[in-house]
Amino acid sequence: MMTYQLPCTDCGAPTQTKLQKPKRCAPCARAEALDYSRWHYRTFRDEMLEYHRTHYRKNRERILAKRASRRDAKVQSAAPSGPEPLPSLGIACAGKRP
C-alpha cells in the first residue's frame, strides 16, 4: 500500500497518509481533542457535580456498606495464608486440594 505526503489541513505541515485525502497532523488533532475535552468539562461541570452529589445523597447507605465490605475483604485477604501442607505427606502444596 502506498503512503502519500499531503499537507495538514490546519497548519500545512507535510503529513503521511494512506488515503489520497489530506488530514490533520497528530499535534493538531491532539490539540483539538484537548480543547474539546476542556470545553466539555467546563460546560457541564456544574451538572455533573450536582448529579454526583444527589447520587451520593440518595445511595449513601448502600455506598458506605459496599465500602465497608470491600475494606473487610481486603483485611481478610491480607491475613497470612500461605500454602497449606498436605496432611499425609507434610509438604506444601500450592494447587487445589483433592
PDB file of N, CA and C in Angstrom:
ATOM      1  N   MET A   1       0.837  -1.169   0.000  1.00  0.00           N
ATOM      2  CA  MET A   1       0.000   0.000   0.000  1.00  0.00           C
ATOM      3  C   MET A   1       0.888   1.240   0.000  1.00  0.00           C
ATOM      4  N   MET A   2       0.495   2.237  -0.746  1.00  0.00           N
ATOM      5  CA  MET A   2       1.277   3.462  -0.871  1.00  0.00           C
ATOM      6  C   MET A   2       0.930   4.447   0.226  1.00  0.00           C
ATOM      7  N   THR A   3       1.923   5.225   0.620  1.00  0.00           N
ATOM      8  CA  THR A   3       1.645   6.327   1.535  1.00  0.00           C
ATOM      9  C   THR A   3       1.876   7.627   0.782  1.00  0.00           C
ATOM     10  N   TYR A   4       1.089   8.612   1.116  1.00  0.00           N
ATOM     11  CA  TYR A   4       1.162   9.898   0.437  1.00  0.00           C
ATOM     12  C   TYR A   4       1.593  10.964   1.434  1.00  0.00           C
ATOM     13  N   GLN A   5       2.321  11.967   0.949  1.00  0.00           N
ATOM     14  CA  GLN A   5       2.702  13.122   1.759  1.00  0.00           C
ATOM     15  C   GLN A   5       1.777  14.265   1.363  1.00  0.00           C
ATOM     16  N   LEU A   6       0.817  14.569   2.204  1.00  0.00           N
ATOM     17  CA  LEU A   6      -0.116  15.650   1.929  1.00  0.00           C
ATOM     18  C   LEU A   6      -0.036  16.675   3.055  1.00  0.00           C
ATOM     19  N   PRO A   7      -0.352  17.930   2.777  1.00  0.00           N
ATOM     20  CA  PRO A   7      -0.259  18.950   3.826  1.00  0.00           C
ATOM     21  C   PRO A   7      -1.368  18.797   4.865  1.00  0.00           C
ATOM     22  N   CYS A   8      -1.036  19.141   6.103  1.00  0.00           N
ATOM     23  CA  CYS A   8      -2.027  19.126   7.191  1.00  0.00           C
ATOM     24  C   CYS A   8      -3.096  20.166   6.870  1.00  0.00           C
ATOM     25  N   THR A   9      -4.344  19.836   7.158  1.00  0.00           N
ATOM     26  CA  THR A   9      -5.432  20.762   6.840  1.00  0.00           C
ATOM     27  C   THR A   9      -5.436  21.979   7.765  1.00  0.00           C
ATOM     28  N   ASP A  10      -4.772  21.901   8.926  1.00  0.00           N
ATOM     29  CA  ASP A  10      -4.751  23.038   9.854  1.00  0.00           C
ATOM     30  C   ASP A  10      -3.492  23.880   9.724  1.00  0.00           C
ATOM     31  N   CYS A  11      -2.318  23.228   9.822  1.00  0.00           N
ATOM     32  CA  CYS A  11      -1.069  24.004   9.852  1.00  0.00           C
ATOM     33  C   CYS A  11      -0.261  23.920   8.557  1.00  0.00           C
ATOM     34  N   GLY A  12      -0.570  22.970   7.686  1.00  0.00           N
ATOM     35  CA  GLY A  12       0.135  22.862   6.409  1.00  0.00           C
ATOM     36  C   GLY A  12       1.394  22.022   6.442  1.00  0.00           C
ATOM     37  N   ALA A  13       1.719  21.438   7.571  1.00  0.00           N
ATOM     38  CA  ALA A  13       2.913  20.592   7.674  1.00  0.00           C
ATOM     39  C   ALA A  13       2.691  19.305   6.880  1.00  0.00           C
ATOM     40  N   PRO A  14       3.730  18.795   6.222  1.00  0.00           N
ATOM     41  CA  PRO A  14       3.547  17.548   5.468  1.00  0.00           C
ATOM     42  C   PRO A  14       3.212  16.383   6.403  1.00  0.00           C
ATOM     43  N   THR A  15       2.176  15.637   6.047  1.00  0.00           N
ATOM     44  CA  THR A  15       1.685  14.550   6.886  1.00  0.00           C
ATOM     45  C   THR A  15       1.533  13.304   6.045  1.00  0.00           C
ATOM     46  N   GLN A  16       2.013  12.165   6.563  1.00  0.00           N
ATOM     47  CA  GLN A  16       1.867  10.906   5.832  1.00  0.00           C
ATOM     48  C   GLN A  16       0.459  10.373   6.000  1.00  0.00           C
ATOM     49  N   THR A  17      -0.121   9.908   4.915  1.00  0.00           N
ATOM     50  CA  THR A  17      -1.443   9.308   4.973  1.00  0.00           C
ATOM     51  C   THR A  17      -1.537   8.213   3.926  1.00  0.00           C
ATOM     52  N   LYS A  18      -2.342   7.207   4.183  1.00  0.00           N
ATOM     53  CA  LYS A  18      -2.515   6.118   3.225  1.00  0.00           C
ATOM     54  C   LYS A  18      -3.649   6.405   2.249  1.00  0.00           C
ATOM     55  N   LEU A  19      -4.412   7.465   2.530  1.00  0.00           N
ATOM     56  CA  LEU A  19      -5.503   7.850   1.648  1.00  0.00           C
ATOM     57  C   LEU A  19      -5.075   9.039   0.800  1.00  0.00           C
ATOM     58  N   GLN A  20      -5.678   9.191  -0.353  1.00  0.00           N
ATOM     59  CA  GLN A  20      -5.367  10.343  -1.192  1.00  0.00           C
ATOM     60  C   GLN A  20      -6.239  11.523  -0.764  1.00  0.00           C
ATOM     61  N   LYS A  21      -6.211  11.807   0.510  1.00  0.00           N
ATOM     62  CA  LYS A  21      -7.049  12.852   1.062  1.00  0.00           C
ATOM     63  C   LYS A  21      -6.268  13.508   2.195  1.00  0.00           C
ATOM     64  N   PRO A  22      -6.156  14.827   2.211  1.00  0.00           N
ATOM     65  CA  PRO A  22      -5.380  15.455   3.288  1.00  0.00           C
ATOM     66  C   PRO A  22      -6.060  15.287   4.642  1.00  0.00           C
ATOM     67  N   LYS A  23      -5.241  15.221   5.681  1.00  0.00           N
ATOM     68  CA  LYS A  23      -5.770  15.108   7.039  1.00  0.00           C
ATOM     69  C   LYS A  23      -4.924  15.964   7.963  1.00  0.00           C
ATOM     70  N   ARG A  24      -5.288  15.998   9.245  1.00  0.00           N
ATOM     71  CA  ARG A  24      -4.533  16.795  10.204  1.00  0.00           C
ATOM     72  C   ARG A  24      -3.355  15.997  10.745  1.00  0.00           C
ATOM     73  N   CYS A  25      -2.287  16.717  11.080  1.00  0.00           N
ATOM     74  CA  CYS A  25      -1.143  16.055  11.706  1.00  0.00           C
ATOM     75  C   CYS A  25      -1.498  15.745  13.159  1.00  0.00           C
ATOM     76  N   ALA A  26      -0.716  14.888  13.794  1.00  0.00           N
ATOM     77  CA  ALA A  26      -1.008  14.437  15.151  1.00  0.00           C
ATOM     78  C   ALA A  26      -1.075  15.587  16.167  1.00  0.00           C
ATOM     79  N   PRO A  27      -0.131  16.549  16.148  1.00  0.00           N
ATOM     80  CA  PRO A  27      -0.233  17.637  17.139  1.00  0.00           C
ATOM     81  C   PRO A  27      -1.505  18.465  16.989  1.00  0.00           C
ATOM     82  N   CYS A  28      -1.945  18.716  15.755  1.00  0.00           N
ATOM     83  CA  CYS A  28      -3.179  19.496  15.554  1.00  0.00           C
ATOM     84  C   CYS A  28      -4.397  18.714  16.039  1.00  0.00           C
ATOM     85  N   ALA A  29      -4.453  17.433  15.741  1.00  0.00           N
ATOM     86  CA  ALA A  29      -5.580  16.609  16.168  1.00  0.00           C
ATOM     87  C   ALA A  29      -5.619  16.512  17.687  1.00  0.00           C
ATOM     88  N   ARG A  30      -4.450  16.337  18.316  1.00  0.00           N
ATOM     89  CA  ARG A  30      -4.380  16.236  19.767  1.00  0.00           C
ATOM     90  C   ARG A  30      -4.814  17.545  20.420  1.00  0.00           C
ATOM     91  N   ALA A  31      -4.380  18.670  19.847  1.00  0.00           N
ATOM     92  CA  ALA A  31      -4.742  19.972  20.412  1.00  0.00           C
ATOM     93  C   ALA A  31      -6.252  20.179  20.366  1.00  0.00           C
ATOM     94  N   GLU A  32      -6.884  19.797  19.255  1.00  0.00           N
ATOM     95  CA  GLU A  32      -8.331  19.973  19.169  1.00  0.00           C
ATOM     96  C   GLU A  32      -9.046  19.067  20.165  1.00  0.00           C
ATOM     97  N   ALA A  33      -8.565  17.836  20.313  1.00  0.00           N
ATOM     98  CA  ALA A  33      -9.193  16.913  21.261  1.00  0.00           C
ATOM     99  C   ALA A  33      -9.096  17.462  22.682  1.00  0.00           C
ATOM    100  N   LEU A  34      -7.928  18.027  23.043  1.00  0.00           N
ATOM    101  CA  LEU A  34      -7.775  18.610  24.376  1.00  0.00           C
ATOM    102  C   LEU A  34      -8.691  19.808  24.558  1.00  0.00           C
ATOM    103  N   ASP A  35      -8.784  20.659  23.519  1.00  0.00           N
ATOM    104  CA  ASP A  35      -9.665  21.823  23.607  1.00  0.00           C
ATOM    105  C   ASP A  35     -11.101  21.384  23.815  1.00  0.00           C
ATOM    106  N   TYR A  36     -11.537  20.368  23.061  1.00  0.00           N
ATOM    107  CA  TYR A  36     -12.915  19.903  23.191  1.00  0.00           C
ATOM    108  C   TYR A  36     -13.147  19.308  24.577  1.00  0.00           C
ATOM    109  N   SER A  37     -12.178  18.544  25.068  1.00  0.00           N
ATOM    110  CA  SER A  37     -12.317  17.919  26.380  1.00  0.00           C
ATOM    111  C   SER A  37     -12.468  18.986  27.463  1.00  0.00           C
ATOM    112  N   ARG A  38     -11.623  20.020  27.384  1.00  0.00           N
ATOM    113  CA  ARG A  38     -11.709  21.098  28.375  1.00  0.00           C
ATOM    114  C   ARG A  38     -13.033  21.835  28.268  1.00  0.00           C
ATOM    115  N   TRP A  39     -13.474  22.121  27.033  1.00  0.00           N
ATOM    116  CA  TRP A  39     -14.742  22.816  26.838  1.00  0.00           C
ATOM    117  C   TRP A  39     -15.889  21.992  27.395  1.00  0.00           C
ATOM    118  N   HIS A  40     -15.895  20.686  27.104  1.00  0.00           N
ATOM    119  CA  HIS A  40     -16.978  19.813  27.550  1.00  0.00           C
ATOM    120  C   HIS A  40     -17.035  19.772  29.074  1.00  0.00           C
ATOM    121  N   TYR A  41     -15.873  19.635  29.704  1.00  0.00           N
ATOM    122  CA  TYR A  41     -15.846  19.589  31.167  1.00  0.00           C
ATOM    123  C   TYR A  41     -16.329  20.918  31.750  1.00  0.00           C
ATOM    124  N   ARG A  42     -15.833  22.012  31.200  1.00  0.00           N
ATOM    125  CA  ARG A  42     -16.204  23.326  31.729  1.00  0.00           C
ATOM    126  C   ARG A  42     -17.696  23.593  31.543  1.00  0.00           C
ATOM    127  N   THR A  43     -18.254  23.152  30.406  1.00  0.00           N
ATOM    128  CA  THR A  43     -19.656  23.407  30.113  1.00  0.00           C
ATOM    129  C   THR A  43     -20.579  22.630  31.034  1.00  0.00           C
ATOM    130  N   PHE A  44     -20.252  21.364  31.270  1.00  0.00           N
ATOM    131  CA  PHE A  44     -21.162  20.500  32.021  1.00  0.00           C
ATOM    132  C   PHE A  44     -20.692  20.209  33.446  1.00  0.00           C
ATOM    133  N   ARG A  45     -19.682  20.961  33.915  1.00  0.00           N
ATOM    134  CA  ARG A  45     -19.120  20.696  35.238  1.00  0.00           C
ATOM    135  C   ARG A  45     -20.170  20.794  36.343  1.00  0.00           C
ATOM    136  N   ASP A  46     -20.951  21.862  36.341  1.00  0.00           N
ATOM    137  CA  ASP A  46     -21.939  22.052  37.401  1.00  0.00           C
ATOM    138  C   ASP A  46     -22.987  20.948  37.400  1.00  0.00           C
ATOM    139  N   GLU A  47     -23.443  20.562  36.188  1.00  0.00           N
ATOM    140  CA  GLU A  47     -24.435  19.479  36.099  1.00  0.00           C
ATOM    141  C   GLU A  47     -23.865  18.170  36.616  1.00  0.00           C
ATOM    142  N   MET A  48     -22.618  17.868  36.244  1.00  0.00           N
ATOM    143  CA  MET A  48     -22.001  16.613  36.694  1.00  0.00           C
ATOM    144  C   MET A  48     -21.820  16.603  38.211  1.00  0.00           C
ATOM    145  N   LEU A  49     -21.359  17.721  38.757  1.00  0.00           N
ATOM    146  CA  LEU A  49     -21.165  17.778  40.205  1.00  0.00           C
ATOM    147  C   LEU A  49     -22.493  17.620  40.940  1.00  0.00           C
ATOM    148  N   GLU A  50     -23.538  18.264  40.436  1.00  0.00           N
ATOM    149  CA  GLU A  50     -24.846  18.143  41.071  1.00  0.00           C
ATOM    150  C   GLU A  50     -25.364  16.712  40.995  1.00  0.00           C
ATOM    151  N   TYR A  51     -25.155  16.062  39.832  1.00  0.00           N
ATOM    152  CA  TYR A  51     -25.596  14.668  39.684  1.00  0.00           C
ATOM    153  C   TYR A  51     -24.910  13.775  40.707  1.00  0.00           C
ATOM    154  N   HIS A  52     -23.584  13.914  40.849  1.00  0.00           N
ATOM    155  CA  HIS A  52     -22.850  13.050  41.777  1.00  0.00           C
ATOM    156  C   HIS A  52     -23.245  13.346  43.226  1.00  0.00           C
ATOM    157  N   ARG A  53     -23.510  14.632  43.538  1.00  0.00           N
ATOM    158  CA  ARG A  53     -23.941  14.980  44.872  1.00  0.00           C
ATOM    159  C   ARG A  53     -25.268  14.310  45.219  1.00  0.00           C
ATOM    160  N   THR A  54     -26.237  14.391  44.306  1.00  0.00           N
ATOM    161  CA  THR A  54     -27.551  13.795  44.577  1.00  0.00           C
ATOM    162  C   THR A  54     -27.465  12.272  44.584  1.00  0.00           C
ATOM    163  N   HIS A  55     -26.640  11.704  43.706  1.00  0.00           N
ATOM    164  CA  HIS A  55     -26.473  10.248  43.677  1.00  0.00           C
ATOM    165  C   HIS A  55     -25.927   9.756  45.014  1.00  0.00           C
ATOM    166  N   TYR A  56     -24.921  10.444  45.531  1.00  0.00           N
ATOM    167  CA  TYR A  56     -24.343  10.037  46.810  1.00  0.00           C
ATOM    168  C   TYR A  56     -25.358  10.211  47.934  1.00  0.00           C
ATOM    169  N   ARG A  57     -26.106  11.319  47.892  1.00  0.00           N
ATOM    170  CA  ARG A  57     -27.095  11.581  48.934  1.00  0.00           C
ATOM    171  C   ARG A  57     -28.170  10.501  48.952  1.00  0.00           C
ATOM    172  N   LYS A  58     -28.617  10.063  47.771  1.00  0.00           N
ATOM    173  CA  LYS A  58     -29.688   9.066  47.692  1.00  0.00           C
ATOM    174  C   LYS A  58     -29.211   7.671  48.085  1.00  0.00           C
ATOM    175  N   ASN A  59     -27.953   7.355  47.735  1.00  0.00           N
ATOM    176  CA  ASN A  59     -27.454   5.984  47.919  1.00  0.00           C
ATOM    177  C   ASN A  59     -26.375   5.896  48.981  1.00  0.00           C
ATOM    178  N   ARG A  60     -26.406   6.795  49.955  1.00  0.00           N
ATOM    179  CA  ARG A  60     -25.345   6.865  50.952  1.00  0.00           C
ATOM    180  C   ARG A  60     -25.169   5.563  51.718  1.00  0.00           C
ATOM    181  N   GLU A  61     -26.273   4.976  52.202  1.00  0.00           N
ATOM    182  CA  GLU A  61     -26.172   3.746  52.995  1.00  0.00           C
ATOM    183  C   GLU A  61     -25.573   2.610  52.174  1.00  0.00           C
ATOM    184  N   ARG A  62     -26.033   2.485  50.928  1.00  0.00           N
ATOM    185  CA  ARG A  62     -25.532   1.401  50.080  1.00  0.00           C
ATOM    186  C   ARG A  62     -24.056   1.591  49.758  1.00  0.00           C
ATOM    187  N   ILE A  63     -23.653   2.825  49.468  1.00  0.00           N
ATOM    188  CA  ILE A  63     -22.253   3.112  49.143  1.00  0.00           C
ATOM    189  C   ILE A  63     -21.359   2.826  50.353  1.00  0.00           C
ATOM    190  N   LEU A  64     -21.792   3.265  51.551  1.00  0.00           N
ATOM    191  CA  LEU A  64     -20.981   3.021  52.744  1.00  0.00           C
ATOM    192  C   LEU A  64     -20.899   1.535  53.073  1.00  0.00           C
ATOM    193  N   ALA A  65     -21.999   0.789  52.866  1.00  0.00           N
ATOM    194  CA  ALA A  65     -21.974  -0.655  53.115  1.00  0.00           C
ATOM    195  C   ALA A  65     -21.011  -1.348  52.152  1.00  0.00           C
ATOM    196  N   LYS A  66     -21.012  -0.902  50.891  1.00  0.00           N
ATOM    197  CA  LYS A  66     -20.104  -1.510  49.903  1.00  0.00           C
ATOM    198  C   LYS A  66     -18.655  -1.224  50.259  1.00  0.00           C
ATOM    199  N   ARG A  67     -18.371   0.013  50.696  1.00  0.00           N
ATOM    200  CA  ARG A  67     -17.005   0.351  51.118  1.00  0.00           C
ATOM    201  C   ARG A  67     -16.564  -0.510  52.289  1.00  0.00           C
ATOM    202  N   ALA A  68     -17.464  -0.695  53.265  1.00  0.00           N
ATOM    203  CA  ALA A  68     -17.122  -1.488  54.450  1.00  0.00           C
ATOM    204  C   ALA A  68     -16.853  -2.943  54.077  1.00  0.00           C
ATOM    205  N   SER A  69     -17.673  -3.498  53.176  1.00  0.00           N
ATOM    206  CA  SER A  69     -17.459  -4.899  52.789  1.00  0.00           C
ATOM    207  C   SER A  69     -16.143  -5.055  52.031  1.00  0.00           C
ATOM    208  N   ARG A  70     -15.808  -4.079  51.183  1.00  0.00           N
ATOM    209  CA  ARG A  70     -14.522  -4.149  50.474  1.00  0.00           C
ATOM    210  C   ARG A  70     -13.354  -4.032  51.444  1.00  0.00           C
ATOM    211  N   ARG A  71     -13.499  -3.144  52.428  1.00  0.00           N
ATOM    212  CA  ARG A  71     -12.444  -2.980  53.423  1.00  0.00           C
ATOM    213  C   ARG A  71     -12.256  -4.270  54.215  1.00  0.00           C
ATOM    214  N   ASP A  72     -13.366  -4.913  54.619  1.00  0.00           N
ATOM    215  CA  ASP A  72     -13.281  -6.176  55.360  1.00  0.00           C
ATOM    216  C   ASP A  72     -12.639  -7.267  54.517  1.00  0.00           C
ATOM    217  N   ALA A  73     -13.010  -7.310  53.230  1.00  0.00           N
ATOM    218  CA  ALA A  73     -12.425  -8.325  52.349  1.00  0.00           C
ATOM    219  C   ALA A  73     -10.924  -8.101  52.194  1.00  0.00           C
ATOM    220  N   LYS A  74     -10.507  -6.837  52.124  1.00  0.00           N
ATOM    221  CA  LYS A  74      -9.087  -6.532  51.987  1.00  0.00           C
ATOM    222  C   LYS A  74      -8.330  -6.930  53.243  1.00  0.00           C
ATOM    223  N   VAL A  75      -8.924  -6.685  54.410  1.00  0.00           N
ATOM    224  CA  VAL A  75      -8.283  -7.039  55.678  1.00  0.00           C
ATOM    225  C   VAL A  75      -8.167  -8.558  55.789  1.00  0.00           C
ATOM    226  N   GLN A  76      -9.211  -9.274  55.406  1.00  0.00           N
ATOM    227  CA  GLN A  76      -9.171 -10.738  55.477  1.00  0.00           C
ATOM    228  C   GLN A  76      -8.158 -11.313  54.493  1.00  0.00           C
ATOM    229  N   SER A  77      -8.043 -10.714  53.313  1.00  0.00           N
ATOM    230  CA  SER A  77      -7.094 -11.242  52.335  1.00  0.00           C
ATOM    231  C   SER A  77      -5.657 -10.917  52.728  1.00  0.00           C
ATOM    232  N   ALA A  78      -5.467  -9.898  53.563  1.00  0.00           N
ATOM    233  CA  ALA A  78      -4.126  -9.530  53.997  1.00  0.00           C
ATOM    234  C   ALA A  78      -3.621 -10.437  55.114  1.00  0.00           C
ATOM    235  N   ALA A  79      -4.484 -11.254  55.702  1.00  0.00           N
ATOM    236  CA  ALA A  79      -4.062 -12.173  56.760  1.00  0.00           C
ATOM    237  C   ALA A  79      -3.071 -13.186  56.181  1.00  0.00           C
ATOM    238  N   PRO A  80      -2.080 -13.584  56.958  1.00  0.00           N
ATOM    239  CA  PRO A  80      -1.082 -14.520  56.422  1.00  0.00           C
ATOM    240  C   PRO A  80      -1.716 -15.885  56.139  1.00  0.00           C
ATOM    241  N   SER A  81      -1.728 -16.211  54.873  1.00  0.00           N
ATOM    242  CA  SER A  81      -2.282 -17.519  54.485  1.00  0.00           C
ATOM    243  C   SER A  81      -1.403 -18.096  53.381  1.00  0.00           C
ATOM    244  N   GLY A  82      -0.419 -18.838  53.769  1.00  0.00           N
ATOM    245  CA  GLY A  82       0.477 -19.486  52.816  1.00  0.00           C
ATOM    246  C   GLY A  82      -0.134 -20.776  52.314  1.00  0.00           C
ATOM    247  N   PRO A  83       0.594 -21.506  51.495  1.00  0.00           N
ATOM    248  CA  PRO A  83       0.061 -22.787  51.024  1.00  0.00           C
ATOM    249  C   PRO A  83      -0.077 -23.773  52.185  1.00  0.00           C
ATOM    250  N   GLU A  84      -1.192 -24.462  52.191  1.00  0.00           N
ATOM    251  CA  GLU A  84      -1.441 -25.408  53.278  1.00  0.00           C
ATOM    252  C   GLU A  84      -0.649 -26.699  53.043  1.00  0.00           C
ATOM    253  N   PRO A  85      -0.085 -27.288  54.103  1.00  0.00           N
ATOM    254  CA  PRO A  85       0.644 -28.540  53.925  1.00  0.00           C
ATOM    255  C   PRO A  85      -0.341 -29.698  53.727  1.00  0.00           C
ATOM    256  N   LEU A  86       0.077 -30.653  52.926  1.00  0.00           N
ATOM    257  CA  LEU A  86      -0.745 -31.849  52.748  1.00  0.00           C
ATOM    258  C   LEU A  86      -0.708 -32.641  54.051  1.00  0.00           C
ATOM    259  N   PRO A  87      -1.854 -33.115  54.516  1.00  0.00           N
ATOM    260  CA  PRO A  87      -1.882 -33.767  55.825  1.00  0.00           C
ATOM    261  C   PRO A  87      -1.082 -35.068  55.870  1.00  0.00           C
ATOM    262  N   SER A  88      -1.088 -35.839  54.802  1.00  0.00           N
ATOM    263  CA  SER A  88      -0.424 -37.135  54.871  1.00  0.00           C
ATOM    264  C   SER A  88       1.073 -37.044  54.620  1.00  0.00           C
ATOM    265  N   LEU A  89       1.516 -36.133  53.747  1.00  0.00           N
ATOM    266  CA  LEU A  89       2.926 -36.073  53.386  1.00  0.00           C
ATOM    267  C   LEU A  89       3.706 -35.019  54.162  1.00  0.00           C
ATOM    268  N   GLY A  90       2.997 -33.987  54.672  1.00  0.00           N
ATOM    269  CA  GLY A  90       3.686 -32.939  55.403  1.00  0.00           C
ATOM    270  C   GLY A  90       4.445 -31.984  54.514  1.00  0.00           C
ATOM    271  N   ILE A  91       4.103 -31.895  53.202  1.00  0.00           N
ATOM    272  CA  ILE A  91       4.781 -30.963  52.301  1.00  0.00           C
ATOM    273  C   ILE A  91       3.775 -29.913  51.838  1.00  0.00           C
ATOM    274  N   ALA A  92       4.300 -28.765  51.413  1.00  0.00           N
ATOM    275  CA  ALA A  92       3.429 -27.680  50.989  1.00  0.00           C
ATOM    276  C   ALA A  92       2.937 -27.917  49.572  1.00  0.00           C
ATOM    277  N   CYS A  93       1.682 -27.568  49.337  1.00  0.00           N
ATOM    278  CA  CYS A  93       1.082 -27.743  48.020  1.00  0.00           C
ATOM    279  C   CYS A  93       0.384 -26.439  47.645  1.00  0.00           C
ATOM    280  N   ALA A  94       0.731 -25.845  46.489  1.00  0.00           N
ATOM    281  CA  ALA A  94       0.139 -24.579  46.079  1.00  0.00           C
ATOM    282  C   ALA A  94      -1.135 -24.788  45.274  1.00  0.00           C
ATOM    283  N   GLY A  95      -1.427 -25.994  44.817  1.00  0.00           N
ATOM    284  CA  GLY A  95      -2.590 -26.256  43.980  1.00  0.00           C
ATOM    285  C   GLY A  95      -3.829 -26.491  44.800  1.00  0.00           C
ATOM    286  N   LYS A  96      -4.890 -26.921  44.135  1.00  0.00           N
ATOM    287  CA  LYS A  96      -6.144 -27.209  44.838  1.00  0.00           C
ATOM    288  C   LYS A  96      -6.008 -28.513  45.595  1.00  0.00           C
ATOM    289  N   ARG A  97      -6.729 -28.566  46.695  1.00  0.00           N
ATOM    290  CA  ARG A  97      -6.719 -29.796  47.489  1.00  0.00           C
ATOM    291  C   ARG A  97      -7.721 -30.767  46.902  1.00  0.00           C
ATOM    292  N   PRO A  98      -7.407 -32.073  46.918  1.00  0.00           N
ATOM    293  CA  PRO A  98      -8.345 -33.063  46.335  1.00  0.00           C
ATOM    294  C   PRO A  98      -9.588 -33.241  47.169  1.00  0.00           C
TER     295      PRO A  98
END
